[in-house]
Amino acid sequence: MVARFMNLLRRSEAAEDPVCHMQVDMKKPGGGTYDYQGKTYYFCGPGCRVAFSKDPEGYLSGKKGMKM
C-alpha cells in the first residue's frame, strides 16, 4: 500500500500541447509555457510555443493544427 501511494506522488501531471497534441509534463515542459487569457498552456518544444504565440485563437479553435 505504501508503494502504491509513493507511485501516486511520483506521477507528474500532464497537459496536452495545443499545437501538436502531444502530452507534456507540466512540471518540466520541454517547450515552456505561454499564458493566454488567464490560462497557462504547456508545450513539447519551443517551436510549438512560438507557433501558438503567433495565433492562439487559431490553435484553440481547431482551425490550425499540426499532426505529429
PDB file of N, CA and C in Angstrom:
ATOM      1  N   MET A   1       0.824  -1.183   0.000  1.00  0.00           N
ATOM      2  CA  MET A   1       0.000   0.000   0.000  1.00  0.00           C
ATOM      3  C   MET A   1       0.874   1.255   0.000  1.00  0.00           C
ATOM      4  N   VAL A   2       1.963   1.238   0.737  1.00  0.00           N
ATOM      5  CA  VAL A   2       2.864   2.385   0.777  1.00  0.00           C
ATOM      6  C   VAL A   2       3.489   2.607  -0.600  1.00  0.00           C
ATOM      7  N   ALA A   3       3.864   1.531  -1.278  1.00  0.00           N
ATOM      8  CA  ALA A   3       4.461   1.646  -2.613  1.00  0.00           C
ATOM      9  C   ALA A   3       3.478   2.273  -3.590  1.00  0.00           C
ATOM     10  N   ARG A   4       2.225   1.899  -3.486  1.00  0.00           N
ATOM     11  CA  ARG A   4       1.195   2.459  -4.364  1.00  0.00           C
ATOM     12  C   ARG A   4       1.044   3.969  -4.123  1.00  0.00           C
ATOM     13  N   PHE A   5       1.059   4.366  -2.871  1.00  0.00           N
ATOM     14  CA  PHE A   5       0.969   5.777  -2.522  1.00  0.00           C
ATOM     15  C   PHE A   5       2.182   6.540  -3.055  1.00  0.00           C
ATOM     16  N   MET A   6       3.368   5.968  -2.927  1.00  0.00           N
ATOM     17  CA  MET A   6       4.585   6.614  -3.416  1.00  0.00           C
ATOM     18  C   MET A   6       4.546   6.786  -4.930  1.00  0.00           C
ATOM     19  N   ASN A   7       4.010   5.805  -5.647  1.00  0.00           N
ATOM     20  CA  ASN A   7       3.880   5.917  -7.094  1.00  0.00           C
ATOM     21  C   ASN A   7       2.947   7.060  -7.476  1.00  0.00           C
ATOM     22  N   LEU A   8       1.896   7.256  -6.726  1.00  0.00           N
ATOM     23  CA  LEU A   8       0.977   8.361  -6.981  1.00  0.00           C
ATOM     24  C   LEU A   8       1.678   9.699  -6.793  1.00  0.00           C
ATOM     25  N   LEU A   9       2.532   9.784  -5.800  1.00  0.00           N
ATOM     26  CA  LEU A   9       3.264  11.021  -5.550  1.00  0.00           C
ATOM     27  C   LEU A   9       4.283  11.308  -6.649  1.00  0.00           C
ATOM     28  N   ARG A  10       4.866  10.265  -7.208  1.00  0.00           N
ATOM     29  CA  ARG A  10       5.895  10.428  -8.234  1.00  0.00           C
ATOM     30  C   ARG A  10       5.319  10.803  -9.591  1.00  0.00           C
ATOM     31  N   ARG A  11       4.087  10.463  -9.825  1.00  0.00           N
ATOM     32  CA  ARG A  11       3.480  10.765 -11.125  1.00  0.00           C
ATOM     33  C   ARG A  11       3.446  12.264 -11.348  1.00  0.00           C
ATOM     34  N   SER A  12       3.762  12.641 -12.558  1.00  0.00           N
ATOM     35  CA  SER A  12       3.679  14.055 -12.883  1.00  0.00           C
ATOM     36  C   SER A  12       2.367  14.310 -13.611  1.00  0.00           C
ATOM     37  N   GLU A  13       1.905  15.512 -13.490  1.00  0.00           N
ATOM     38  CA  GLU A  13       0.697  15.878 -14.193  1.00  0.00           C
ATOM     39  C   GLU A  13       1.067  16.172 -15.637  1.00  0.00           C
ATOM     40  N   ALA A  14       0.174  15.829 -16.536  1.00  0.00           N
ATOM     41  CA  ALA A  14       0.425  16.059 -17.949  1.00  0.00           C
ATOM     42  C   ALA A  14      -0.643  16.980 -18.518  1.00  0.00           C
ATOM     43  N   ALA A  15      -0.222  17.746 -19.503  1.00  0.00           N
ATOM     44  CA  ALA A  15      -1.129  18.619 -20.235  1.00  0.00           C
ATOM     45  C   ALA A  15      -0.949  18.309 -21.717  1.00  0.00           C
ATOM     46  N   GLU A  16      -1.923  18.698 -22.508  1.00  0.00           N
ATOM     47  CA  GLU A  16      -1.824  18.484 -23.946  1.00  0.00           C
ATOM     48  C   GLU A  16      -1.325  19.752 -24.623  1.00  0.00           C
ATOM     49  N   ASP A  17      -0.283  19.607 -25.425  1.00  0.00           N
ATOM     50  CA  ASP A  17       0.230  20.719 -26.219  1.00  0.00           C
ATOM     51  C   ASP A  17      -0.875  21.112 -27.206  1.00  0.00           C
ATOM     52  N   PRO A  18      -1.324  22.374 -27.207  1.00  0.00           N
ATOM     53  CA  PRO A  18      -2.437  22.766 -28.069  1.00  0.00           C
ATOM     54  C   PRO A  18      -2.085  22.831 -29.557  1.00  0.00           C
ATOM     55  N   VAL A  19      -0.801  22.724 -29.887  1.00  0.00           N
ATOM     56  CA  VAL A  19      -0.388  22.783 -31.296  1.00  0.00           C
ATOM     57  C   VAL A  19      -0.287  21.379 -31.884  1.00  0.00           C
ATOM     58  N   CYS A  20       0.496  20.505 -31.256  1.00  0.00           N
ATOM     59  CA  CYS A  20       0.734  19.165 -31.812  1.00  0.00           C
ATOM     60  C   CYS A  20      -0.012  18.061 -31.075  1.00  0.00           C
ATOM     61  N   HIS A  21      -0.644  18.394 -29.964  1.00  0.00           N
ATOM     62  CA  HIS A  21      -1.462  17.485 -29.157  1.00  0.00           C
ATOM     63  C   HIS A  21      -0.673  16.393 -28.442  1.00  0.00           C
ATOM     64  N   MET A  22       0.630  16.585 -28.287  1.00  0.00           N
ATOM     65  CA  MET A  22       1.431  15.647 -27.505  1.00  0.00           C
ATOM     66  C   MET A  22       1.194  15.895 -26.020  1.00  0.00           C
ATOM     67  N   GLN A  23       1.423  14.879 -25.204  1.00  0.00           N
ATOM     68  CA  GLN A  23       1.333  15.015 -23.751  1.00  0.00           C
ATOM     69  C   GLN A  23       2.632  15.641 -23.245  1.00  0.00           C
ATOM     70  N   VAL A  24       2.497  16.626 -22.370  1.00  0.00           N
ATOM     71  CA  VAL A  24       3.638  17.376 -21.864  1.00  0.00           C
ATOM     72  C   VAL A  24       3.634  17.335 -20.342  1.00  0.00           C
ATOM     73  N   ASP A  25       4.798  17.072 -19.764  1.00  0.00           N
ATOM     74  CA  ASP A  25       4.951  17.078 -18.309  1.00  0.00           C
ATOM     75  C   ASP A  25       4.812  18.515 -17.829  1.00  0.00           C
ATOM     76  N   MET A  26       3.821  18.781 -17.007  1.00  0.00           N
ATOM     77  CA  MET A  26       3.557  20.144 -16.548  1.00  0.00           C
ATOM     78  C   MET A  26       4.658  20.678 -15.634  1.00  0.00           C
ATOM     79  N   LYS A  27       5.414  19.787 -15.008  1.00  0.00           N
ATOM     80  CA  LYS A  27       6.491  20.232 -14.128  1.00  0.00           C
ATOM     81  C   LYS A  27       7.746  20.604 -14.912  1.00  0.00           C
ATOM     82  N   LYS A  28       7.949  19.968 -16.068  1.00  0.00           N
ATOM     83  CA  LYS A  28       9.129  20.219 -16.891  1.00  0.00           C
ATOM     84  C   LYS A  28       8.741  20.253 -18.369  1.00  0.00           C
ATOM     85  N   PRO A  29       7.979  21.255 -18.788  1.00  0.00           N
ATOM     86  CA  PRO A  29       7.584  21.306 -20.196  1.00  0.00           C
ATOM     87  C   PRO A  29       8.780  21.662 -21.083  1.00  0.00           C
ATOM     88  N   GLY A  30       9.104  20.791 -22.018  1.00  0.00           N
ATOM     89  CA  GLY A  30      10.270  20.994 -22.880  1.00  0.00           C
ATOM     90  C   GLY A  30      10.240  22.296 -23.665  1.00  0.00           C
ATOM     91  N   GLY A  31       9.046  22.743 -24.015  1.00  0.00           N
ATOM     92  CA  GLY A  31       8.915  23.970 -24.783  1.00  0.00           C
ATOM     93  C   GLY A  31       8.492  25.160 -23.960  1.00  0.00           C
ATOM     94  N   GLY A  32       8.398  24.970 -22.684  1.00  0.00           N
ATOM     95  CA  GLY A  32       7.998  26.069 -21.816  1.00  0.00           C
ATOM     96  C   GLY A  32       6.492  26.241 -21.763  1.00  0.00           C
ATOM     97  N   THR A  33       6.088  27.398 -21.313  1.00  0.00           N
ATOM     98  CA  THR A  33       4.663  27.694 -21.141  1.00  0.00           C
ATOM     99  C   THR A  33       4.334  29.024 -21.799  1.00  0.00           C
ATOM    100  N   TYR A  34       3.045  29.246 -21.976  1.00  0.00           N
ATOM    101  CA  TYR A  34       2.555  30.512 -22.523  1.00  0.00           C
ATOM    102  C   TYR A  34       1.216  30.794 -21.858  1.00  0.00           C
ATOM    103  N   ASP A  35       1.081  31.977 -21.293  1.00  0.00           N
ATOM    104  CA  ASP A  35      -0.177  32.368 -20.656  1.00  0.00           C
ATOM    105  C   ASP A  35      -1.027  33.135 -21.657  1.00  0.00           C
ATOM    106  N   TYR A  36      -2.277  32.714 -21.779  1.00  0.00           N
ATOM    107  CA  TYR A  36      -3.203  33.364 -22.705  1.00  0.00           C
ATOM    108  C   TYR A  36      -4.580  33.424 -22.062  1.00  0.00           C
ATOM    109  N   GLN A  37      -5.111  34.596 -21.956  1.00  0.00           N
ATOM    110  CA  GLN A  37      -6.431  34.845 -21.380  1.00  0.00           C
ATOM    111  C   GLN A  37      -6.620  34.151 -20.032  1.00  0.00           C
ATOM    112  N   GLY A  38      -5.599  34.274 -19.175  1.00  0.00           N
ATOM    113  CA  GLY A  38      -5.685  33.749 -17.829  1.00  0.00           C
ATOM    114  C   GLY A  38      -5.443  32.256 -17.672  1.00  0.00           C
ATOM    115  N   LYS A  39      -5.038  31.578 -18.749  1.00  0.00           N
ATOM    116  CA  LYS A  39      -4.772  30.145 -18.682  1.00  0.00           C
ATOM    117  C   LYS A  39      -3.345  29.884 -19.142  1.00  0.00           C
ATOM    118  N   THR A  40      -2.689  28.927 -18.503  1.00  0.00           N
ATOM    119  CA  THR A  40      -1.329  28.550 -18.879  1.00  0.00           C
ATOM    120  C   THR A  40      -1.383  27.340 -19.793  1.00  0.00           C
ATOM    121  N   TYR A  41      -0.681  27.436 -20.919  1.00  0.00           N
ATOM    122  CA  TYR A  41      -0.577  26.339 -21.881  1.00  0.00           C
ATOM    123  C   TYR A  41       0.851  25.811 -21.849  1.00  0.00           C
ATOM    124  N   TYR A  42       1.004  24.502 -22.042  1.00  0.00           N
ATOM    125  CA  TYR A  42       2.292  23.817 -21.935  1.00  0.00           C
ATOM    126  C   TYR A  42       2.664  23.247 -23.296  1.00  0.00           C
ATOM    127  N   PHE A  43       3.972  23.278 -23.603  1.00  0.00           N
ATOM    128  CA  PHE A  43       4.422  22.897 -24.936  1.00  0.00           C
ATOM    129  C   PHE A  43       5.547  21.875 -24.910  1.00  0.00           C
ATOM    130  N   CYS A  44       5.534  20.997 -25.921  1.00  0.00           N
ATOM    131  CA  CYS A  44       6.547  19.950 -26.011  1.00  0.00           C
ATOM    132  C   CYS A  44       7.894  20.511 -26.435  1.00  0.00           C
ATOM    133  N   GLY A  45       7.875  21.542 -27.261  1.00  0.00           N
ATOM    134  CA  GLY A  45       9.105  22.148 -27.747  1.00  0.00           C
ATOM    135  C   GLY A  45       8.903  23.624 -28.041  1.00  0.00           C
ATOM    136  N   PRO A  46      10.001  24.354 -28.191  1.00  0.00           N
ATOM    137  CA  PRO A  46       9.910  25.794 -28.429  1.00  0.00           C
ATOM    138  C   PRO A  46       9.141  26.157 -29.700  1.00  0.00           C
ATOM    139  N   GLY A  47       9.237  25.336 -30.738  1.00  0.00           N
ATOM    140  CA  GLY A  47       8.538  25.626 -31.990  1.00  0.00           C
ATOM    141  C   GLY A  47       7.038  25.686 -31.809  1.00  0.00           C
ATOM    142  N   CYS A  48       6.496  24.779 -31.019  1.00  0.00           N
ATOM    143  CA  CYS A  48       5.054  24.780 -30.759  1.00  0.00           C
ATOM    144  C   CYS A  48       4.651  26.018 -29.967  1.00  0.00           C
ATOM    145  N   ARG A  49       5.469  26.400 -28.995  1.00  0.00           N
ATOM    146  CA  ARG A  49       5.160  27.597 -28.206  1.00  0.00           C
ATOM    147  C   ARG A  49       5.166  28.848 -29.074  1.00  0.00           C
ATOM    148  N   VAL A  50       6.145  28.973 -29.953  1.00  0.00           N
ATOM    149  CA  VAL A  50       6.236  30.144 -30.829  1.00  0.00           C
ATOM    150  C   VAL A  50       5.052  30.175 -31.790  1.00  0.00           C
ATOM    151  N   ALA A  51       4.716  29.032 -32.385  1.00  0.00           N
ATOM    152  CA  ALA A  51       3.573  28.972 -33.300  1.00  0.00           C
ATOM    153  C   ALA A  51       2.291  29.388 -32.587  1.00  0.00           C
ATOM    154  N   PHE A  52       2.089  28.881 -31.378  1.00  0.00           N
ATOM    155  CA  PHE A  52       0.896  29.205 -30.610  1.00  0.00           C
ATOM    156  C   PHE A  52       0.858  30.692 -30.272  1.00  0.00           C
ATOM    157  N   SER A  53       1.985  31.255 -29.900  1.00  0.00           N
ATOM    158  CA  SER A  53       2.028  32.669 -29.500  1.00  0.00           C
ATOM    159  C   SER A  53       1.659  33.594 -30.655  1.00  0.00           C
ATOM    160  N   LYS A  54       1.879  33.158 -31.884  1.00  0.00           N
ATOM    161  CA  LYS A  54       1.545  33.974 -33.053  1.00  0.00           C
ATOM    162  C   LYS A  54       0.055  33.943 -33.384  1.00  0.00           C
ATOM    163  N   ASP A  55      -0.642  32.861 -33.004  1.00  0.00           N
ATOM    164  CA  ASP A  55      -2.067  32.747 -33.324  1.00  0.00           C
ATOM    165  C   ASP A  55      -2.776  31.806 -32.348  1.00  0.00           C
ATOM    166  N   PRO A  56      -2.884  32.194 -31.083  1.00  0.00           N
ATOM    167  CA  PRO A  56      -3.523  31.311 -30.098  1.00  0.00           C
ATOM    168  C   PRO A  56      -4.950  30.907 -30.489  1.00  0.00           C
ATOM    169  N   GLU A  57      -5.727  31.845 -30.972  1.00  0.00           N
ATOM    170  CA  GLU A  57      -7.120  31.540 -31.325  1.00  0.00           C
ATOM    171  C   GLU A  57      -7.212  30.520 -32.451  1.00  0.00           C
ATOM    172  N   GLY A  58      -6.288  30.576 -33.375  1.00  0.00           N
ATOM    173  CA  GLY A  58      -6.282  29.603 -34.470  1.00  0.00           C
ATOM    174  C   GLY A  58      -6.124  28.181 -33.962  1.00  0.00           C
ATOM    175  N   TYR A  59      -5.229  27.986 -33.013  1.00  0.00           N
ATOM    176  CA  TYR A  59      -4.997  26.646 -32.463  1.00  0.00           C
ATOM    177  C   TYR A  59      -6.101  26.225 -31.500  1.00  0.00           C
ATOM    178  N   LEU A  60      -6.583  27.147 -30.702  1.00  0.00           N
ATOM    179  CA  LEU A  60      -7.629  26.803 -29.735  1.00  0.00           C
ATOM    180  C   LEU A  60      -8.960  26.521 -30.419  1.00  0.00           C
ATOM    181  N   SER A  61      -9.207  27.162 -31.554  1.00  0.00           N
ATOM    182  CA  SER A  61     -10.463  26.936 -32.276  1.00  0.00           C
ATOM    183  C   SER A  61     -10.418  25.668 -33.126  1.00  0.00           C
ATOM    184  N   GLY A  62      -9.210  25.148 -33.364  1.00  0.00           N
ATOM    185  CA  GLY A  62      -9.074  23.964 -34.200  1.00  0.00           C
ATOM    186  C   GLY A  62      -8.855  24.303 -35.672  1.00  0.00           C
ATOM    187  N   LYS A  63      -8.856  25.590 -36.018  1.00  0.00           N
ATOM    188  CA  LYS A  63      -8.632  25.992 -37.404  1.00  0.00           C
ATOM    189  C   LYS A  63      -7.198  25.722 -37.831  1.00  0.00           C
ATOM    190  N   LYS A  64      -6.288  25.766 -36.864  1.00  0.00           N
ATOM    191  CA  LYS A  64      -4.882  25.458 -37.135  1.00  0.00           C
ATOM    192  C   LYS A  64      -4.505  24.242 -36.317  1.00  0.00           C
ATOM    193  N   GLY A  65      -3.525  23.523 -36.791  1.00  0.00           N
ATOM    194  CA  GLY A  65      -3.051  22.361 -36.056  1.00  0.00           C
ATOM    195  C   GLY A  65      -1.856  21.759 -36.741  1.00  0.00           C
ATOM    196  N   MET A  66      -1.226  20.865 -36.048  1.00  0.00           N
ATOM    197  CA  MET A  66      -0.061  20.180 -36.576  1.00  0.00           C
ATOM    198  C   MET A  66      -0.210  18.703 -36.225  1.00  0.00           C
ATOM    199  N   LYS A  67       0.022  17.855 -37.192  1.00  0.00           N
ATOM    200  CA  LYS A  67      -0.022  16.420 -36.930  1.00  0.00           C
ATOM    201  C   LYS A  67       1.387  15.919 -36.729  1.00  0.00           C
ATOM    202  N   MET A  68       1.543  15.096 -35.706  1.00  0.00           N
ATOM    203  CA  MET A  68       2.864  14.528 -35.413  1.00  0.00           C
ATOM    204  C   MET A  68       2.880  13.072 -35.802  1.00  0.00           C
TER     205      MET A  68
END
